Protein backbone atom coordinates (compact mmCIF):
# COMPACT_ATOMS: atom_id res chain seq x y z
CA MET A 1 0.00 0.00 0.00
CA ASN A 2 1.13 3.51 -0.77
CA VAL A 3 0.09 6.80 0.80
CA LEU A 4 0.92 10.10 -0.85
CA LEU A 5 1.36 12.94 1.63
CA GLY A 6 0.81 16.45 0.27
CA VAL A 7 2.37 18.89 2.71
CA CYS A 8 1.38 22.54 2.40
CA GLY A 9 2.76 25.76 3.82
CA GLY A 10 1.59 26.04 7.42
CA ILE A 11 3.27 26.02 10.82
CA ALA A 12 1.84 22.54 11.44
CA ALA A 13 3.80 21.12 8.48
CA TYR A 14 6.42 19.68 10.85
CA LYS A 15 3.77 17.35 12.33
CA MET A 16 3.63 15.53 9.02
CA LEU A 17 7.05 14.08 9.81
CA ASP A 18 5.33 12.24 12.66
CA VAL A 19 2.57 11.05 10.33
CA ALA A 20 5.07 9.82 7.73
CA SER A 21 7.07 7.98 10.40
CA ALA A 22 3.97 6.36 11.91
CA LEU A 23 2.79 5.12 8.50
CA LYS A 24 6.22 3.70 7.69
CA LYS A 25 6.22 1.82 11.00
CA ARG A 26 2.99 0.18 9.89
CA GLY A 27 4.57 -1.09 6.69
CA ILE A 28 2.98 1.52 4.42
CA GLU A 29 5.04 3.02 1.61
CA VAL A 30 5.01 6.81 1.71
CA ASP A 31 5.56 9.35 -1.04
CA VAL A 32 5.81 13.03 -0.13
CA ILE A 33 5.15 16.16 -2.14
CA LEU A 34 6.08 19.48 -0.53
CA THR A 35 4.66 22.69 -1.90
CA GLN A 36 7.09 25.56 -2.31
CA SER A 37 5.49 27.24 0.70
CA ALA A 38 5.91 24.09 2.80
CA CYS A 39 9.66 24.29 2.19
CA GLU A 40 9.66 27.51 4.23
CA PHE A 41 8.60 25.48 7.30
CA VAL A 42 10.19 22.05 6.84
CA THR A 43 13.08 20.68 4.83
CA ARG A 44 13.09 18.14 2.09
CA LEU A 45 15.97 16.37 3.84
CA SER A 46 13.91 15.83 7.01
CA PHE A 47 11.21 13.96 5.10
CA GLU A 48 13.71 12.02 3.00
CA THR A 49 15.38 10.81 6.19
CA VAL A 50 12.05 9.67 7.67
CA ILE A 51 10.64 7.90 4.60
CA GLY A 52 13.94 6.63 3.23
CA GLY A 53 13.23 7.91 -0.25
CA GLU A 54 13.04 10.94 -2.47
CA VAL A 55 10.75 13.85 -1.67
CA PHE A 56 9.27 15.85 -4.53
CA VAL A 57 8.75 19.59 -4.86
CA ASP A 58 9.02 20.56 -8.51
CA GLY A 59 7.29 18.62 -11.26
CA PHE A 60 9.88 19.79 -13.76
CA GLU A 61 12.96 18.38 -12.06
CA CYS A 62 15.53 17.16 -14.56
CA GLY A 63 16.71 13.62 -15.18
CA ARG A 64 13.35 11.81 -15.04
CA GLY A 65 12.12 9.40 -17.66
CA GLU A 66 8.52 9.38 -16.40
CA VAL A 67 5.83 12.03 -16.17
CA LEU A 68 6.19 12.61 -12.45
CA HIS A 69 2.69 13.67 -11.44
CA ILE A 70 1.15 10.75 -13.35
CA GLU A 71 3.53 8.21 -11.81
CA LEU A 72 2.85 9.51 -8.29
CA ALA A 73 -0.88 9.42 -8.96
CA LYS A 74 -0.72 5.81 -10.21
CA ARG A 75 1.24 4.66 -7.14
CA ALA A 76 -1.09 6.20 -4.57
CA ASP A 77 -3.71 4.11 -2.78
CA LEU A 78 -4.67 7.15 -0.70
CA VAL A 79 -3.72 10.82 -0.60
CA LEU A 80 -3.54 12.88 2.60
CA ILE A 81 -3.23 16.65 2.24
CA ALA A 82 -2.13 18.25 5.50
CA PRO A 83 -1.88 20.89 6.70
CA ALA A 84 -4.33 21.94 3.99
CA THR A 85 -4.33 25.70 3.54
CA GLY A 86 -7.14 27.88 2.25
CA ASN A 87 -5.06 28.30 -0.89
CA ILE A 88 -4.78 24.58 -1.73
CA ILE A 89 -8.45 23.98 -0.87
CA GLY A 90 -9.58 26.82 -3.12
CA LYS A 91 -7.40 25.80 -6.04
CA LEU A 92 -8.43 22.16 -5.81
CA ALA A 93 -12.11 23.09 -5.66
CA SER A 94 -11.61 25.11 -8.85
CA GLY A 95 -9.61 22.43 -10.68
CA ILE A 96 -6.44 24.51 -10.80
CA ALA A 97 -3.22 22.55 -11.35
CA ASP A 98 -0.37 25.05 -11.16
CA ASP A 99 2.13 22.98 -9.16
CA LEU A 100 3.17 19.35 -8.70
CA LEU A 101 0.74 18.58 -5.86
CA LEU A 102 -2.31 20.01 -7.61
CA SER A 103 -1.39 18.36 -10.92
CA THR A 104 -1.07 15.02 -9.14
CA LEU A 105 -4.41 15.51 -7.37
CA LEU A 106 -6.17 15.93 -10.71
CA ALA A 107 -4.72 12.61 -11.86
CA VAL A 108 -5.37 10.39 -8.81
CA GLN A 109 -8.14 7.79 -8.82
CA CYS A 110 -7.97 6.93 -5.12
CA PRO A 111 -9.48 8.45 -1.95
CA VAL A 112 -8.23 11.93 -1.08
CA VAL A 113 -8.32 13.12 2.54
CA ILE A 114 -7.93 16.79 3.43
CA ALA A 115 -6.94 18.04 6.89
CA PRO A 116 -7.36 21.83 7.01
CA ALA A 117 -5.26 24.04 9.27
CA MET A 118 -5.46 27.82 9.26
CA ASN A 119 -6.53 30.82 11.32
CA SER A 120 -10.16 30.66 12.43
CA ARG A 121 -11.00 33.86 10.52
CA MET A 122 -9.79 32.22 7.33
CA TYR A 123 -11.46 28.90 8.06
CA ASP A 124 -14.81 30.56 8.78
CA ASN A 125 -14.65 32.66 5.63
CA VAL A 126 -17.69 31.93 3.48
CA ILE A 127 -15.51 31.32 0.39
CA VAL A 128 -13.38 28.73 2.20
CA GLN A 129 -16.48 27.03 3.57
CA GLN A 130 -18.09 26.93 0.13
CA ASN A 131 -14.93 25.37 -1.29
CA ILE A 132 -14.91 22.76 1.48
CA GLN A 133 -18.57 21.92 0.86
CA ARG A 134 -17.91 21.61 -2.87
CA LEU A 135 -15.04 19.19 -2.28
CA LYS A 136 -17.13 17.16 0.18
CA SER A 137 -19.90 16.91 -2.42
CA LEU A 138 -17.33 15.55 -4.88
CA GLY A 139 -16.32 12.79 -2.48
CA PHE A 140 -13.24 14.24 -0.82
CA GLY A 141 -12.80 13.22 2.82
CA PHE A 142 -12.09 15.74 5.57
CA VAL A 143 -10.46 15.46 8.98
CA GLU A 144 -11.88 18.53 10.69
CA PRO A 145 -9.57 21.03 12.41
CA LYS A 146 -9.67 21.39 16.19
CA VAL A 147 -10.34 24.32 18.50
CA GLY A 148 -7.34 25.60 20.42
CA LEU A 149 -4.48 28.07 20.56
CA LEU A 150 -3.41 29.06 17.05
CA ALA A 151 0.03 30.14 15.84
CA CYS A 152 -0.97 33.82 15.78
CA GLY A 153 -2.07 33.70 19.42
CA ASP A 154 -5.81 33.55 18.74
CA VAL A 155 -7.97 30.82 20.23
CA GLY A 156 -10.44 29.22 17.86
CA VAL A 157 -11.01 26.52 15.28
CA GLY A 158 -8.14 25.89 12.89
CA ARG A 159 -5.60 23.62 14.63
CA LEU A 160 -4.49 20.63 12.60
CA ALA A 161 -6.06 17.40 13.84
CA PRO A 162 -3.72 15.41 16.12
CA VAL A 163 -1.20 13.09 14.51
CA ASP A 164 -2.77 9.95 15.97
CA GLU A 165 -6.17 10.94 14.59
CA LEU A 166 -4.73 11.47 11.11
CA VAL A 167 -2.91 8.13 11.20
CA ARG A 168 -6.01 6.30 12.45
CA TYR A 169 -8.16 7.87 9.73
CA VAL A 170 -5.71 6.83 7.02
CA CYS A 171 -5.34 3.28 8.37
CA ASN A 172 -9.10 2.85 8.63
CA LEU A 173 -9.58 3.92 5.02
CA LEU A 174 -6.85 1.57 3.84
CA GLY A 175 -8.60 -1.22 5.71
CA GLY A 176 -7.02 -3.77 8.03
CA VAL A 177 -3.79 -1.89 8.71
CA GLU A 178 -2.52 -2.69 12.21
CA LEU A 179 -2.86 0.39 14.39
CA GLN A 180 -0.50 -0.76 17.15
CA VAL A 181 3.26 -0.44 17.03
CA ASP A 182 4.67 -1.19 20.47
CA THR A 183 1.79 -0.26 22.75
CA PRO A 184 -1.74 0.92 21.97
CA ASN A 185 -0.75 4.53 22.66
CA ASP A 186 2.49 4.61 20.70
CA ILE A 187 2.78 7.25 18.04
CA ALA A 188 5.96 8.31 16.33
CA VAL A 189 7.26 11.71 17.36
CA MET A 190 10.46 11.82 15.35
CA SER A 191 10.11 15.51 14.58
CA GLU A 192 9.88 16.55 18.23
CA LEU A 193 13.58 17.21 18.62
CA ASP A 194 13.58 18.88 15.20
CA ALA A 195 10.96 21.31 16.49
CA GLN A 196 12.86 21.91 19.72
CA MET A 197 16.18 22.51 17.96
CA SER A 198 14.72 24.78 15.31
CA GLU A 199 15.23 28.52 15.26
CA CYS A 200 11.98 30.30 15.94
CA VAL A 201 11.52 33.61 14.17
CA GLY A 202 8.13 35.07 14.99
CA ASN A 203 5.64 32.34 14.16
CA ASN A 204 7.90 30.67 11.60
CA MET A 205 10.15 27.69 12.20
CA GLY A 206 13.60 27.46 10.58
CA TYR A 207 15.10 23.98 10.65
CA GLN A 208 18.76 23.27 11.29
CA LYS A 209 19.92 21.60 8.09
CA ASP A 210 23.26 20.43 9.48
CA MET A 211 21.89 18.59 12.54
CA LEU A 212 21.91 14.79 12.45
CA TRP A 213 20.21 12.32 14.77
CA ASP A 214 20.87 8.64 15.41
CA ASP A 215 18.55 6.99 17.94
CA ASN A 216 15.06 8.18 18.86
CA LYS A 217 13.56 6.40 21.85
CA VAL A 218 9.92 7.21 22.52
CA ALA A 219 7.77 6.31 25.51
CA LEU A 220 4.15 7.37 25.77
CA ASP A 221 1.88 6.95 28.74
CA GLY A 222 -1.11 8.40 26.91
CA SER A 223 -0.57 12.05 27.83
CA ASP A 224 3.14 12.84 27.85
CA ALA A 225 5.87 11.94 25.40
CA LYS A 226 9.49 11.68 26.45
CA LEU A 227 12.31 11.63 23.96
CA ILE A 228 15.86 10.66 24.80
CA THR A 229 17.86 11.29 21.70
CA ASP A 230 21.51 10.74 21.00
CA ILE A 231 22.70 13.64 18.84
CA SER A 232 25.51 12.25 16.74
CA ALA A 233 26.99 15.69 16.07
CA GLY A 234 28.59 16.12 19.49
CA ASN A 235 27.17 13.06 21.29
CA ALA A 236 25.05 15.29 23.50
CA LEU A 237 22.04 13.75 25.22
CA GLY A 238 18.83 15.72 24.89
CA SER A 239 15.68 15.07 26.83
CA VAL A 240 12.35 16.64 25.95
CA SER A 241 8.97 16.31 27.67
CA ARG A 242 5.73 17.63 26.28
CA SER A 243 2.02 17.02 26.15
CA VAL A 244 0.83 15.32 23.03
CA PRO A 245 -1.57 17.67 21.21
């Protein structure tokens, strides 16, 4: 089975590293397309490290014998777009195909799941809601955003659905995929240290491109995740505790 992840330009883009890792642990092959805007929040290298394969950004990359968006569309058994911005939702609802992700979406013949994430003012906009309703009427699946603290400091609807909810939704649609890894509550959090080590500038996250990791050990008790990570560049031991969103 193959899942195509379409990662768009939002602060929650880093959470898709967790989703990709969790799917790989369940034996699912993962392809990743990053939009140009997504590359402002996460790096191509981060996803390539997690999935163990190439990550795609530009449909016109040189040296390919195949038509890339058609080949990606043929391989996909399911597509998950997350975090889905108002921009990608609007363009998809209008049939626009002006980048690799949108071109691939017009060619897929498998279920497409959209997980919106944006400011509540944008999400509640009548145009965005009309676009969402149009896509739902065409058979697109949606994992609804949650209410909570948003990147801008507002509180409202617009948070990306939790990683475990996204993974469960995908596995249920694929049918019969084992949801457990080590314990019933396990969920991969390989990007946690990446988020902690990143440089924060305003609400944007810049990722350290020269940082390498070896071992990630994760223990979840259902509410807190603890990472003990050996950082190969310096052999420092980092420990992070956080609540799982």
